[in-house]
Amino acid sequence: KIEEGTNMCRIMPGKDDDTAFYAETAIHRVPDPENPDKVKNVHCRKVHNEECPLCEAYYAMWKLSDGANTEEAKDEFKARARKLKPGKRFYLNSVNVGQDSPREVKILSVGIKIFEKILGAILDEDYGDITDFKSGHDFKIIKKSVGLDWPNYDQSAPRPKPSKAGSDQETAAWMESLHDIHGLVKLEEYAEVKSFAMTALPEVF
């Protein structure tokens, strides 16, 4: 969980040279059929190059907005579309290196802004592979809430100085306990996703 303020972590490398250190997905947020007051996360099927009924509903809402007869109807479809838009999500293995936190591997789930900062650091010759255990960099995720629902991560960045992540014994144990982040990118069943789309846009389905 990313707390308000500074969260210090060390991004773990992939399990081997053939495994990426991150897993990418996209999430649709839809009302939970069992509890309409809550939101259910549904992986976009397009991540697996499969048809996604929720994406079809998303684009259909924009078309309905364009063809609506009143501004009120246009705004309603636009609002419904924005709620259904898939959001990029990235999973990484990470060790929390805060002073009061147990140094163990956990799954870090971040949006596009933080991920671009992590990837940008790796591609920057001043930092290089920040996941390297011996010469990498701790990464500071700085969360500042703006209003009630808009966290800001603009100040997040790797620490300027490289550092050793831990002892050889620690890093070996971390590599043994990496989570299967790629297994988290679920291929949702078409029929179930279509049922969510039908609920979201009964005008079309």
N, C-alpha and C. Protein backbone atom coordinates (compact mmCIF):
# COMPACT_ATOMS: atom_id res chain seq x y z
N LYS A 1 0.84 -1.20 0.00
CA LYS A 1 0.00 0.00 0.00
C LYS A 1 0.88 1.24 0.00
N ILE A 2 0.57 2.19 -0.87
CA ILE A 2 1.33 3.43 -0.94
C ILE A 2 0.70 4.42 0.03
N GLU A 3 1.46 4.78 1.06
CA GLU A 3 0.96 5.68 2.08
C GLU A 3 1.19 7.14 1.69
N GLU A 4 0.46 8.03 2.34
CA GLU A 4 0.68 9.45 2.15
C GLU A 4 2.10 9.81 2.60
N GLY A 5 2.79 10.64 1.82
CA GLY A 5 4.16 11.00 2.14
C GLY A 5 5.16 10.20 1.34
N THR A 6 6.32 9.93 1.93
CA THR A 6 7.41 9.24 1.23
C THR A 6 7.40 7.75 1.51
N ASN A 7 7.39 6.96 0.45
CA ASN A 7 7.47 5.50 0.53
C ASN A 7 8.76 5.08 -0.15
N MET A 8 9.69 4.50 0.62
CA MET A 8 10.99 4.12 0.08
C MET A 8 10.98 2.63 -0.26
N CYS A 9 11.31 2.32 -1.50
CA CYS A 9 11.28 0.92 -1.90
C CYS A 9 12.46 0.60 -2.81
N ARG A 10 12.72 -0.67 -2.95
CA ARG A 10 13.74 -1.15 -3.89
C ARG A 10 13.02 -2.06 -4.88
N ILE A 11 13.01 -1.67 -6.14
CA ILE A 11 12.36 -2.48 -7.17
C ILE A 11 13.21 -3.70 -7.46
N MET A 12 12.59 -4.87 -7.46
CA MET A 12 13.30 -6.11 -7.70
C MET A 12 13.47 -6.38 -9.19
N PRO A 13 14.56 -7.05 -9.58
CA PRO A 13 14.71 -7.44 -10.99
C PRO A 13 13.79 -8.60 -11.34
N GLY A 14 13.75 -8.95 -12.62
CA GLY A 14 12.97 -10.12 -13.02
C GLY A 14 13.61 -11.41 -12.52
N LYS A 15 12.86 -12.47 -12.55
CA LYS A 15 13.35 -13.76 -12.05
C LYS A 15 14.59 -14.22 -12.79
N ASP A 16 14.63 -13.94 -14.10
CA ASP A 16 15.79 -14.28 -14.92
C ASP A 16 15.87 -13.30 -16.08
N ASP A 17 16.85 -13.50 -16.95
CA ASP A 17 17.06 -12.56 -18.05
C ASP A 17 15.90 -12.54 -19.04
N ASP A 18 15.09 -13.60 -19.05
CA ASP A 18 13.98 -13.68 -20.00
C ASP A 18 12.66 -13.20 -19.41
N THR A 19 12.67 -12.80 -18.15
CA THR A 19 11.43 -12.39 -17.48
C THR A 19 11.49 -10.91 -17.14
N ALA A 20 10.52 -10.16 -17.61
CA ALA A 20 10.47 -8.72 -17.33
C ALA A 20 10.28 -8.47 -15.83
N PHE A 21 10.80 -7.36 -15.35
CA PHE A 21 10.69 -7.05 -13.93
C PHE A 21 9.31 -6.50 -13.57
N TYR A 22 8.45 -6.32 -14.57
CA TYR A 22 7.11 -5.80 -14.33
C TYR A 22 6.10 -6.57 -15.18
N ALA A 23 4.84 -6.50 -14.78
CA ALA A 23 3.73 -7.07 -15.55
C ALA A 23 2.75 -5.95 -15.82
N GLU A 24 2.27 -5.86 -17.05
CA GLU A 24 1.39 -4.76 -17.45
C GLU A 24 -0.03 -5.26 -17.71
N THR A 25 -1.00 -4.49 -17.26
CA THR A 25 -2.39 -4.81 -17.54
C THR A 25 -3.17 -3.50 -17.69
N ALA A 26 -4.46 -3.62 -17.90
CA ALA A 26 -5.36 -2.47 -17.92
C ALA A 26 -6.63 -2.90 -17.18
N ILE A 27 -7.14 -2.01 -16.38
CA ILE A 27 -8.25 -2.35 -15.49
C ILE A 27 -9.49 -1.51 -15.81
N HIS A 28 -10.62 -2.22 -16.02
CA HIS A 28 -11.93 -1.56 -16.06
C HIS A 28 -12.50 -1.61 -14.65
N ARG A 29 -13.06 -0.51 -14.20
CA ARG A 29 -13.70 -0.50 -12.88
C ARG A 29 -15.21 -0.42 -13.09
N VAL A 30 -15.90 -1.46 -12.64
CA VAL A 30 -17.35 -1.57 -12.86
C VAL A 30 -18.04 -1.81 -11.53
N PRO A 31 -19.34 -1.49 -11.43
CA PRO A 31 -20.08 -1.77 -10.20
C PRO A 31 -20.08 -3.27 -9.90
N ASP A 32 -19.86 -3.61 -8.66
CA ASP A 32 -19.86 -5.01 -8.24
C ASP A 32 -21.31 -5.52 -8.23
N PRO A 33 -21.63 -6.57 -9.02
CA PRO A 33 -23.02 -7.07 -9.07
C PRO A 33 -23.54 -7.49 -7.70
N GLU A 34 -22.64 -7.95 -6.83
CA GLU A 34 -23.07 -8.41 -5.51
C GLU A 34 -23.18 -7.27 -4.51
N ASN A 35 -22.56 -6.14 -4.83
CA ASN A 35 -22.63 -4.98 -3.96
C ASN A 35 -22.46 -3.72 -4.81
N PRO A 36 -23.56 -3.18 -5.33
CA PRO A 36 -23.52 -2.04 -6.27
C PRO A 36 -22.81 -0.80 -5.72
N ASP A 37 -22.67 -0.71 -4.39
CA ASP A 37 -21.98 0.45 -3.80
C ASP A 37 -20.47 0.32 -3.90
N LYS A 38 -20.00 -0.86 -4.29
CA LYS A 38 -18.56 -1.09 -4.40
C LYS A 38 -18.17 -1.27 -5.86
N VAL A 39 -16.86 -1.17 -6.11
CA VAL A 39 -16.34 -1.29 -7.48
C VAL A 39 -15.56 -2.58 -7.63
N LYS A 40 -15.74 -3.22 -8.79
CA LYS A 40 -15.02 -4.45 -9.09
C LYS A 40 -13.99 -4.17 -10.19
N ASN A 41 -12.78 -4.64 -10.00
CA ASN A 41 -11.74 -4.49 -11.01
C ASN A 41 -11.78 -5.64 -11.99
N VAL A 42 -11.86 -5.32 -13.28
CA VAL A 42 -11.92 -6.33 -14.33
C VAL A 42 -10.78 -6.07 -15.31
N HIS A 43 -9.93 -7.08 -15.52
CA HIS A 43 -8.82 -6.93 -16.45
C HIS A 43 -9.34 -6.82 -17.88
N CYS A 44 -8.82 -5.85 -18.61
CA CYS A 44 -9.20 -5.68 -20.01
C CYS A 44 -8.68 -6.85 -20.83
N ARG A 45 -9.55 -7.47 -21.59
CA ARG A 45 -9.17 -8.64 -22.38
C ARG A 45 -8.23 -8.27 -23.53
N LYS A 46 -8.19 -7.00 -23.91
CA LYS A 46 -7.31 -6.59 -25.01
C LYS A 46 -5.84 -6.74 -24.65
N VAL A 47 -5.53 -6.80 -23.36
CA VAL A 47 -4.15 -7.03 -22.93
C VAL A 47 -3.66 -8.38 -23.48
N HIS A 48 -4.61 -9.32 -23.63
CA HIS A 48 -4.29 -10.64 -24.17
C HIS A 48 -4.66 -10.74 -25.65
N ASN A 49 -4.86 -9.58 -26.29
CA ASN A 49 -5.24 -9.54 -27.72
C ASN A 49 -6.56 -10.26 -27.98
N GLU A 50 -7.48 -10.16 -27.03
CA GLU A 50 -8.81 -10.75 -27.16
C GLU A 50 -9.85 -9.64 -27.18
N GLU A 51 -11.02 -9.94 -27.75
CA GLU A 51 -12.11 -8.96 -27.78
C GLU A 51 -12.56 -8.64 -26.36
N CYS A 52 -12.83 -7.35 -26.12
CA CYS A 52 -13.25 -6.92 -24.80
C CYS A 52 -14.58 -6.19 -24.90
N PRO A 53 -15.66 -6.78 -24.41
CA PRO A 53 -16.97 -6.13 -24.45
C PRO A 53 -17.02 -4.80 -23.69
N LEU A 54 -16.22 -4.67 -22.65
CA LEU A 54 -16.22 -3.42 -21.90
C LEU A 54 -15.58 -2.29 -22.71
N CYS A 55 -14.58 -2.62 -23.52
CA CYS A 55 -14.02 -1.61 -24.42
C CYS A 55 -15.04 -1.22 -25.48
N GLU A 56 -15.80 -2.22 -25.96
CA GLU A 56 -16.85 -1.93 -26.94
C GLU A 56 -17.88 -0.99 -26.33
N ALA A 57 -18.23 -1.23 -25.08
CA ALA A 57 -19.20 -0.37 -24.40
C ALA A 57 -18.63 1.03 -24.21
N TYR A 58 -17.35 1.11 -23.89
CA TYR A 58 -16.69 2.41 -23.69
C TYR A 58 -16.78 3.26 -24.96
N TYR A 59 -16.40 2.68 -26.11
CA TYR A 59 -16.43 3.44 -27.36
C TYR A 59 -17.88 3.73 -27.80
N ALA A 60 -18.78 2.79 -27.50
CA ALA A 60 -20.19 2.99 -27.85
C ALA A 60 -20.78 4.18 -27.09
N MET A 61 -20.35 4.36 -25.84
CA MET A 61 -20.86 5.49 -25.05
C MET A 61 -20.46 6.82 -25.67
N TRP A 62 -19.25 6.90 -26.20
CA TRP A 62 -18.81 8.14 -26.84
C TRP A 62 -19.62 8.41 -28.11
N LYS A 63 -19.93 7.34 -28.83
CA LYS A 63 -20.76 7.51 -30.03
C LYS A 63 -22.16 7.98 -29.67
N LEU A 64 -22.70 7.41 -28.58
CA LEU A 64 -24.01 7.82 -28.13
C LEU A 64 -23.99 9.29 -27.68
N SER A 65 -22.88 9.69 -27.08
CA SER A 65 -22.76 11.09 -26.67
C SER A 65 -22.76 12.01 -27.88
N ASP A 66 -22.04 11.61 -28.93
CA ASP A 66 -21.99 12.44 -30.14
C ASP A 66 -23.36 12.59 -30.80
N GLY A 67 -24.18 11.53 -30.68
CA GLY A 67 -25.48 11.57 -31.34
C GLY A 67 -26.62 11.99 -30.46
N ALA A 68 -26.32 12.33 -29.19
CA ALA A 68 -27.38 12.70 -28.25
C ALA A 68 -28.01 14.05 -28.65
N ASN A 69 -29.30 14.20 -28.34
CA ASN A 69 -30.05 15.39 -28.74
C ASN A 69 -29.92 16.56 -27.77
N THR A 70 -29.53 16.27 -26.54
CA THR A 70 -29.43 17.34 -25.54
C THR A 70 -28.04 17.32 -24.90
N GLU A 71 -27.65 18.48 -24.37
CA GLU A 71 -26.36 18.57 -23.69
C GLU A 71 -26.34 17.70 -22.44
N GLU A 72 -27.49 17.60 -21.80
CA GLU A 72 -27.58 16.77 -20.60
C GLU A 72 -27.30 15.31 -20.93
N ALA A 73 -27.88 14.82 -22.03
CA ALA A 73 -27.66 13.44 -22.44
C ALA A 73 -26.21 13.22 -22.87
N LYS A 74 -25.65 14.20 -23.58
CA LYS A 74 -24.23 14.11 -23.99
C LYS A 74 -23.34 13.95 -22.77
N ASP A 75 -23.56 14.81 -21.77
CA ASP A 75 -22.72 14.80 -20.57
C ASP A 75 -22.87 13.49 -19.81
N GLU A 76 -24.09 12.95 -19.80
CA GLU A 76 -24.32 11.69 -19.08
C GLU A 76 -23.52 10.55 -19.70
N PHE A 77 -23.56 10.44 -21.04
CA PHE A 77 -22.81 9.37 -21.71
C PHE A 77 -21.30 9.57 -21.54
N LYS A 78 -20.84 10.82 -21.59
CA LYS A 78 -19.43 11.09 -21.41
C LYS A 78 -18.97 10.66 -20.02
N ALA A 79 -19.78 10.97 -19.01
CA ALA A 79 -19.44 10.61 -17.64
C ALA A 79 -19.39 9.09 -17.47
N ARG A 80 -20.35 8.40 -18.07
CA ARG A 80 -20.37 6.94 -17.98
C ARG A 80 -19.18 6.33 -18.70
N ALA A 81 -18.78 6.94 -19.82
CA ALA A 81 -17.63 6.44 -20.58
C ALA A 81 -16.35 6.60 -19.76
N ARG A 82 -16.18 7.76 -19.14
CA ARG A 82 -14.96 8.01 -18.37
C ARG A 82 -14.81 7.01 -17.22
N LYS A 83 -15.93 6.65 -16.61
CA LYS A 83 -15.88 5.68 -15.51
C LYS A 83 -15.45 4.30 -16.01
N LEU A 84 -15.76 4.01 -17.27
CA LEU A 84 -15.50 2.67 -17.81
C LEU A 84 -14.14 2.56 -18.50
N LYS A 85 -13.48 3.69 -18.72
CA LYS A 85 -12.21 3.68 -19.44
C LYS A 85 -11.18 2.80 -18.73
N PRO A 86 -10.50 1.90 -19.45
CA PRO A 86 -9.49 1.05 -18.80
C PRO A 86 -8.27 1.88 -18.40
N GLY A 87 -7.80 1.65 -17.20
CA GLY A 87 -6.62 2.35 -16.71
C GLY A 87 -5.41 1.43 -16.67
N LYS A 88 -4.29 1.91 -17.18
CA LYS A 88 -3.06 1.11 -17.17
C LYS A 88 -2.65 0.82 -15.73
N ARG A 89 -2.19 -0.40 -15.53
CA ARG A 89 -1.71 -0.80 -14.20
C ARG A 89 -0.47 -1.68 -14.38
N PHE A 90 0.47 -1.51 -13.46
CA PHE A 90 1.72 -2.26 -13.54
C PHE A 90 2.01 -2.90 -12.19
N TYR A 91 2.41 -4.18 -12.23
CA TYR A 91 2.76 -4.90 -11.02
C TYR A 91 4.27 -5.13 -10.99
N LEU A 92 4.87 -4.88 -9.83
CA LEU A 92 6.30 -5.08 -9.66
C LEU A 92 6.56 -5.75 -8.32
N ASN A 93 7.65 -6.52 -8.25
CA ASN A 93 8.12 -7.01 -6.97
C ASN A 93 8.98 -5.93 -6.34
N SER A 94 8.74 -5.67 -5.08
CA SER A 94 9.44 -4.56 -4.42
C SER A 94 9.67 -4.89 -2.95
N VAL A 95 10.77 -4.36 -2.44
CA VAL A 95 11.06 -4.48 -1.01
C VAL A 95 10.93 -3.11 -0.39
N ASN A 96 10.12 -2.99 0.64
CA ASN A 96 9.97 -1.72 1.35
C ASN A 96 11.20 -1.54 2.23
N VAL A 97 11.95 -0.48 2.00
CA VAL A 97 13.19 -0.26 2.75
C VAL A 97 13.04 0.86 3.77
N GLY A 98 11.80 1.20 4.12
CA GLY A 98 11.58 2.16 5.19
C GLY A 98 12.12 1.62 6.50
N GLN A 99 12.51 2.50 7.39
CA GLN A 99 13.17 2.09 8.63
C GLN A 99 12.29 1.20 9.50
N ASP A 100 11.00 1.45 9.52
CA ASP A 100 10.12 0.70 10.41
C ASP A 100 9.40 -0.44 9.72
N SER A 101 9.81 -0.77 8.50
CA SER A 101 9.10 -1.78 7.73
C SER A 101 9.93 -3.05 7.61
N PRO A 102 9.28 -4.22 7.65
CA PRO A 102 10.02 -5.47 7.43
C PRO A 102 10.52 -5.53 5.99
N ARG A 103 11.78 -5.91 5.82
CA ARG A 103 12.38 -5.94 4.50
C ARG A 103 12.03 -7.28 3.83
N GLU A 104 10.86 -7.31 3.22
CA GLU A 104 10.40 -8.50 2.54
C GLU A 104 9.77 -8.11 1.21
N VAL A 105 9.71 -9.09 0.31
CA VAL A 105 9.20 -8.82 -1.03
C VAL A 105 7.68 -8.74 -1.02
N LYS A 106 7.17 -7.64 -1.54
CA LYS A 106 5.73 -7.46 -1.67
C LYS A 106 5.40 -7.04 -3.10
N ILE A 107 4.13 -7.13 -3.45
CA ILE A 107 3.70 -6.72 -4.78
C ILE A 107 3.36 -5.24 -4.74
N LEU A 108 4.01 -4.48 -5.62
CA LEU A 108 3.75 -3.06 -5.75
C LEU A 108 2.90 -2.85 -7.00
N SER A 109 1.73 -2.26 -6.82
CA SER A 109 0.82 -1.98 -7.94
C SER A 109 0.79 -0.48 -8.16
N VAL A 110 1.19 -0.04 -9.37
CA VAL A 110 1.27 1.39 -9.64
C VAL A 110 0.59 1.72 -10.97
N GLY A 111 0.26 3.00 -11.12
CA GLY A 111 -0.30 3.49 -12.37
C GLY A 111 0.79 3.94 -13.33
N ILE A 112 0.35 4.52 -14.44
CA ILE A 112 1.26 4.86 -15.52
C ILE A 112 2.28 5.92 -15.10
N LYS A 113 1.90 6.88 -14.26
CA LYS A 113 2.80 7.98 -13.93
C LYS A 113 4.02 7.48 -13.17
N ILE A 114 3.81 6.68 -12.11
CA ILE A 114 4.95 6.16 -11.35
C ILE A 114 5.77 5.21 -12.20
N PHE A 115 5.09 4.36 -12.98
CA PHE A 115 5.85 3.41 -13.80
C PHE A 115 6.74 4.13 -14.80
N GLU A 116 6.25 5.19 -15.40
CA GLU A 116 7.07 5.94 -16.36
C GLU A 116 8.29 6.56 -15.68
N LYS A 117 8.15 6.95 -14.42
CA LYS A 117 9.30 7.49 -13.69
C LYS A 117 10.32 6.38 -13.41
N ILE A 118 9.85 5.19 -13.06
CA ILE A 118 10.76 4.06 -12.82
C ILE A 118 11.47 3.68 -14.12
N LEU A 119 10.71 3.54 -15.19
CA LEU A 119 11.30 3.16 -16.47
C LEU A 119 12.23 4.26 -16.99
N GLY A 120 11.84 5.51 -16.79
CA GLY A 120 12.68 6.62 -17.23
C GLY A 120 14.03 6.62 -16.54
N ALA A 121 14.03 6.26 -15.24
CA ALA A 121 15.30 6.19 -14.50
C ALA A 121 16.20 5.10 -15.07
N ILE A 122 15.61 3.95 -15.38
CA ILE A 122 16.39 2.84 -15.93
C ILE A 122 17.00 3.20 -17.28
N LEU A 123 16.27 3.99 -18.07
CA LEU A 123 16.76 4.38 -19.39
C LEU A 123 17.70 5.59 -19.32
N ASP A 124 17.81 6.20 -18.16
CA ASP A 124 18.67 7.36 -17.97
C ASP A 124 20.07 6.88 -17.60
N GLU A 125 21.08 7.27 -18.38
CA GLU A 125 22.44 6.81 -18.12
C GLU A 125 22.98 7.27 -16.77
N ASP A 126 22.37 8.30 -16.18
CA ASP A 126 22.80 8.75 -14.86
C ASP A 126 22.37 7.78 -13.76
N TYR A 127 21.40 6.92 -14.06
CA TYR A 127 20.94 5.93 -13.09
C TYR A 127 21.21 4.51 -13.58
N GLY A 128 20.74 4.18 -14.77
CA GLY A 128 20.90 2.82 -15.28
C GLY A 128 19.94 1.86 -14.62
N ASP A 129 20.33 0.63 -14.48
CA ASP A 129 19.46 -0.41 -13.93
C ASP A 129 19.31 -0.24 -12.42
N ILE A 130 18.25 0.46 -12.03
CA ILE A 130 18.06 0.72 -10.60
C ILE A 130 17.70 -0.55 -9.82
N THR A 131 17.40 -1.65 -10.53
CA THR A 131 17.06 -2.90 -9.84
C THR A 131 18.30 -3.70 -9.46
N ASP A 132 19.48 -3.27 -9.92
CA ASP A 132 20.71 -4.00 -9.61
C ASP A 132 20.96 -4.01 -8.11
N PHE A 133 21.22 -5.20 -7.55
CA PHE A 133 21.37 -5.31 -6.10
C PHE A 133 22.61 -4.59 -5.56
N LYS A 134 23.66 -4.53 -6.37
CA LYS A 134 24.92 -3.96 -5.87
C LYS A 134 25.08 -2.48 -6.20
N SER A 135 24.57 -2.07 -7.36
CA SER A 135 24.81 -0.68 -7.78
C SER A 135 23.53 0.04 -8.21
N GLY A 136 22.39 -0.46 -7.75
CA GLY A 136 21.12 0.15 -8.11
C GLY A 136 20.75 1.30 -7.19
N HIS A 137 19.50 1.72 -7.28
CA HIS A 137 19.05 2.87 -6.49
C HIS A 137 17.72 2.54 -5.81
N ASP A 138 17.59 2.96 -4.55
CA ASP A 138 16.27 2.93 -3.93
C ASP A 138 15.38 3.94 -4.66
N PHE A 139 14.07 3.69 -4.64
CA PHE A 139 13.14 4.57 -5.32
C PHE A 139 12.18 5.16 -4.31
N LYS A 140 12.03 6.50 -4.36
CA LYS A 140 11.11 7.20 -3.45
C LYS A 140 9.79 7.46 -4.17
N ILE A 141 8.73 6.83 -3.69
CA ILE A 141 7.38 7.15 -4.17
C ILE A 141 6.79 8.17 -3.21
N ILE A 142 6.62 9.38 -3.69
CA ILE A 142 6.11 10.46 -2.84
C ILE A 142 4.66 10.76 -3.23
N LYS A 143 3.78 10.49 -2.30
CA LYS A 143 2.35 10.67 -2.53
C LYS A 143 1.84 11.90 -1.78
N LYS A 144 1.25 12.81 -2.53
CA LYS A 144 0.62 13.99 -1.93
C LYS A 144 -0.79 14.11 -2.47
N SER A 145 -1.75 14.02 -1.58
CA SER A 145 -3.15 14.07 -2.01
C SER A 145 -3.54 15.49 -2.36
N VAL A 146 -4.25 15.61 -3.48
CA VAL A 146 -4.77 16.89 -3.93
C VAL A 146 -6.28 16.78 -3.90
N GLY A 147 -6.93 17.44 -2.98
CA GLY A 147 -8.36 17.25 -2.81
C GLY A 147 -8.61 15.91 -2.14
N LEU A 148 -9.74 15.31 -2.46
CA LEU A 148 -10.12 14.06 -1.81
C LEU A 148 -9.72 12.83 -2.61
N ASP A 149 -9.69 12.93 -3.93
CA ASP A 149 -9.54 11.73 -4.75
C ASP A 149 -8.38 11.78 -5.73
N TRP A 150 -7.50 12.78 -5.63
CA TRP A 150 -6.47 12.93 -6.65
C TRP A 150 -5.07 12.91 -6.05
N PRO A 151 -4.47 11.74 -5.87
CA PRO A 151 -3.10 11.68 -5.38
C PRO A 151 -2.12 12.18 -6.44
N ASN A 152 -1.10 12.88 -6.00
CA ASN A 152 -0.09 13.41 -6.91
C ASN A 152 1.25 12.73 -6.61
N TYR A 153 1.92 12.26 -7.67
CA TYR A 153 3.19 11.55 -7.51
C TYR A 153 4.34 12.24 -8.24
N ASP A 154 4.17 13.52 -8.57
CA ASP A 154 5.14 14.21 -9.41
C ASP A 154 6.55 14.24 -8.82
N GLN A 155 6.68 14.23 -7.51
CA GLN A 155 7.99 14.34 -6.88
C GLN A 155 8.69 12.99 -6.72
N SER A 156 8.05 11.92 -7.12
CA SER A 156 8.66 10.59 -6.99
C SER A 156 9.90 10.48 -7.87
N ALA A 157 10.95 9.82 -7.34
CA ALA A 157 12.21 9.74 -8.08
C ALA A 157 13.14 8.74 -7.39
N PRO A 158 14.12 8.23 -8.14
CA PRO A 158 15.13 7.38 -7.49
C PRO A 158 16.04 8.23 -6.61
N ARG A 159 16.60 7.64 -5.58
CA ARG A 159 17.57 8.36 -4.76
C ARG A 159 18.82 8.63 -5.61
N PRO A 160 19.42 9.79 -5.47
CA PRO A 160 20.56 10.14 -6.33
C PRO A 160 21.75 9.19 -6.21
N LYS A 161 22.02 8.72 -4.99
CA LYS A 161 23.19 7.88 -4.78
C LYS A 161 22.84 6.39 -4.90
N PRO A 162 23.66 5.62 -5.64
CA PRO A 162 23.44 4.18 -5.69
C PRO A 162 23.77 3.55 -4.34
N SER A 163 23.20 2.39 -4.10
CA SER A 163 23.46 1.70 -2.83
C SER A 163 23.27 0.20 -3.01
N LYS A 164 23.90 -0.54 -2.12
CA LYS A 164 23.72 -1.98 -2.10
C LYS A 164 22.37 -2.28 -1.47
N ALA A 165 21.58 -3.12 -2.13
CA ALA A 165 20.22 -3.36 -1.65
C ALA A 165 20.18 -4.08 -0.31
N GLY A 166 21.10 -4.98 -0.09
CA GLY A 166 21.13 -5.76 1.13
C GLY A 166 22.31 -6.72 1.09
N SER A 167 22.41 -7.55 2.09
CA SER A 167 23.48 -8.55 2.11
C SER A 167 23.23 -9.60 1.04
N ASP A 168 24.24 -10.35 0.70
CA ASP A 168 24.08 -11.41 -0.30
C ASP A 168 23.02 -12.42 0.16
N GLN A 169 22.96 -12.66 1.45
CA GLN A 169 21.98 -13.60 2.00
C GLN A 169 20.57 -13.04 1.83
N GLU A 170 20.41 -11.74 2.10
CA GLU A 170 19.10 -11.11 1.96
C GLU A 170 18.63 -11.13 0.51
N THR A 171 19.51 -10.71 -0.39
CA THR A 171 19.09 -10.62 -1.79
C THR A 171 18.79 -11.99 -2.38
N ALA A 172 19.52 -13.02 -1.94
CA ALA A 172 19.24 -14.37 -2.40
C ALA A 172 17.85 -14.81 -1.92
N ALA A 173 17.53 -14.47 -0.68
CA ALA A 173 16.21 -14.82 -0.12
C ALA A 173 15.11 -14.07 -0.86
N TRP A 174 15.35 -12.81 -1.21
CA TRP A 174 14.36 -12.03 -1.95
C TRP A 174 14.08 -12.66 -3.30
N MET A 175 15.13 -13.08 -3.99
CA MET A 175 14.94 -13.68 -5.31
C MET A 175 14.15 -14.99 -5.22
N GLU A 176 14.31 -15.68 -4.12
CA GLU A 176 13.56 -16.93 -3.92
C GLU A 176 12.09 -16.67 -3.61
N SER A 177 11.78 -15.48 -3.13
CA SER A 177 10.40 -15.19 -2.71
C SER A 177 9.69 -14.21 -3.65
N LEU A 178 10.20 -14.06 -4.88
CA LEU A 178 9.51 -13.19 -5.83
C LEU A 178 8.11 -13.70 -6.11
N HIS A 179 7.16 -12.80 -6.20
CA HIS A 179 5.77 -13.17 -6.50
C HIS A 179 5.60 -13.33 -8.01
N ASP A 180 4.64 -14.16 -8.39
CA ASP A 180 4.35 -14.36 -9.81
C ASP A 180 3.46 -13.22 -10.29
N ILE A 181 4.08 -12.07 -10.54
CA ILE A 181 3.32 -10.89 -10.93
C ILE A 181 2.66 -11.06 -12.30
N HIS A 182 3.29 -11.83 -13.18
CA HIS A 182 2.71 -12.03 -14.51
C HIS A 182 1.44 -12.88 -14.43
N GLY A 183 1.37 -13.74 -13.43
CA GLY A 183 0.17 -14.54 -13.23
C GLY A 183 -1.01 -13.72 -12.74
N LEU A 184 -0.75 -12.48 -12.30
CA LEU A 184 -1.83 -11.61 -11.82
C LEU A 184 -2.64 -11.01 -12.97
N VAL A 185 -2.05 -11.02 -14.17
CA VAL A 185 -2.74 -10.43 -15.33
C VAL A 185 -3.71 -11.48 -15.87
N LYS A 186 -4.90 -11.47 -15.33
CA LYS A 186 -5.89 -12.51 -15.59
C LYS A 186 -6.60 -12.29 -16.92
N LEU A 187 -6.81 -13.37 -17.65
CA LEU A 187 -7.65 -13.33 -18.85
C LEU A 187 -9.08 -13.59 -18.40
N GLU A 188 -9.88 -12.55 -18.35
CA GLU A 188 -11.26 -12.68 -17.87
C GLU A 188 -12.11 -13.44 -18.90
N GLU A 189 -13.08 -14.17 -18.40
CA GLU A 189 -13.99 -14.91 -19.28
C GLU A 189 -14.85 -13.94 -20.09
N TYR A 190 -14.97 -14.19 -21.38
CA TYR A 190 -15.71 -13.29 -22.27
C TYR A 190 -17.14 -13.09 -21.79
N ALA A 191 -17.81 -14.18 -21.44
CA ALA A 191 -19.22 -14.10 -21.05
C ALA A 191 -19.41 -13.23 -19.81
N GLU A 192 -18.49 -13.36 -18.86
CA GLU A 192 -18.61 -12.56 -17.64
C GLU A 192 -18.38 -11.08 -17.93
N VAL A 193 -17.37 -10.79 -18.77
CA VAL A 193 -17.09 -9.40 -19.10
C VAL A 193 -18.26 -8.80 -19.88
N LYS A 194 -18.87 -9.60 -20.75
CA LYS A 194 -20.01 -9.10 -21.51
C LYS A 194 -21.18 -8.79 -20.58
N SER A 195 -21.33 -9.57 -19.53
CA SER A 195 -22.43 -9.30 -18.60
C SER A 195 -22.23 -7.95 -17.91
N PHE A 196 -20.97 -7.61 -17.60
CA PHE A 196 -20.67 -6.30 -17.02
C PHE A 196 -20.99 -5.20 -18.03
N ALA A 197 -20.65 -5.45 -19.30
CA ALA A 197 -20.90 -4.46 -20.36
C ALA A 197 -22.40 -4.25 -20.56
N MET A 198 -23.16 -5.32 -20.48
CA MET A 198 -24.62 -5.23 -20.65
C MET A 198 -25.23 -4.40 -19.54
N THR A 199 -24.67 -4.56 -18.33
CA THR A 199 -25.17 -3.77 -17.19
C THR A 199 -24.80 -2.30 -17.36
N ALA A 200 -23.56 -2.06 -17.87
CA ALA A 200 -23.08 -0.69 -18.01
C ALA A 200 -23.78 0.04 -19.17
N LEU A 201 -24.13 -0.70 -20.22
CA LEU A 201 -24.72 -0.04 -21.39
C LEU A 201 -25.87 -0.89 -21.96
N PRO A 202 -26.99 -0.96 -21.24
CA PRO A 202 -28.12 -1.73 -21.74
C PRO A 202 -28.71 -1.18 -23.02
N GLU A 203 -28.41 0.10 -23.33
CA GLU A 203 -28.94 0.71 -24.56
C GLU A 203 -28.41 0.03 -25.81
N VAL A 204 -27.24 -0.62 -25.71
CA VAL A 204 -26.60 -1.22 -26.89
C VAL A 204 -26.65 -2.74 -26.84
N PHE A 205 -26.38 -3.33 -25.67
CA PHE A 205 -26.29 -4.78 -25.58
C PHE A 205 -27.66 -5.41 -25.30
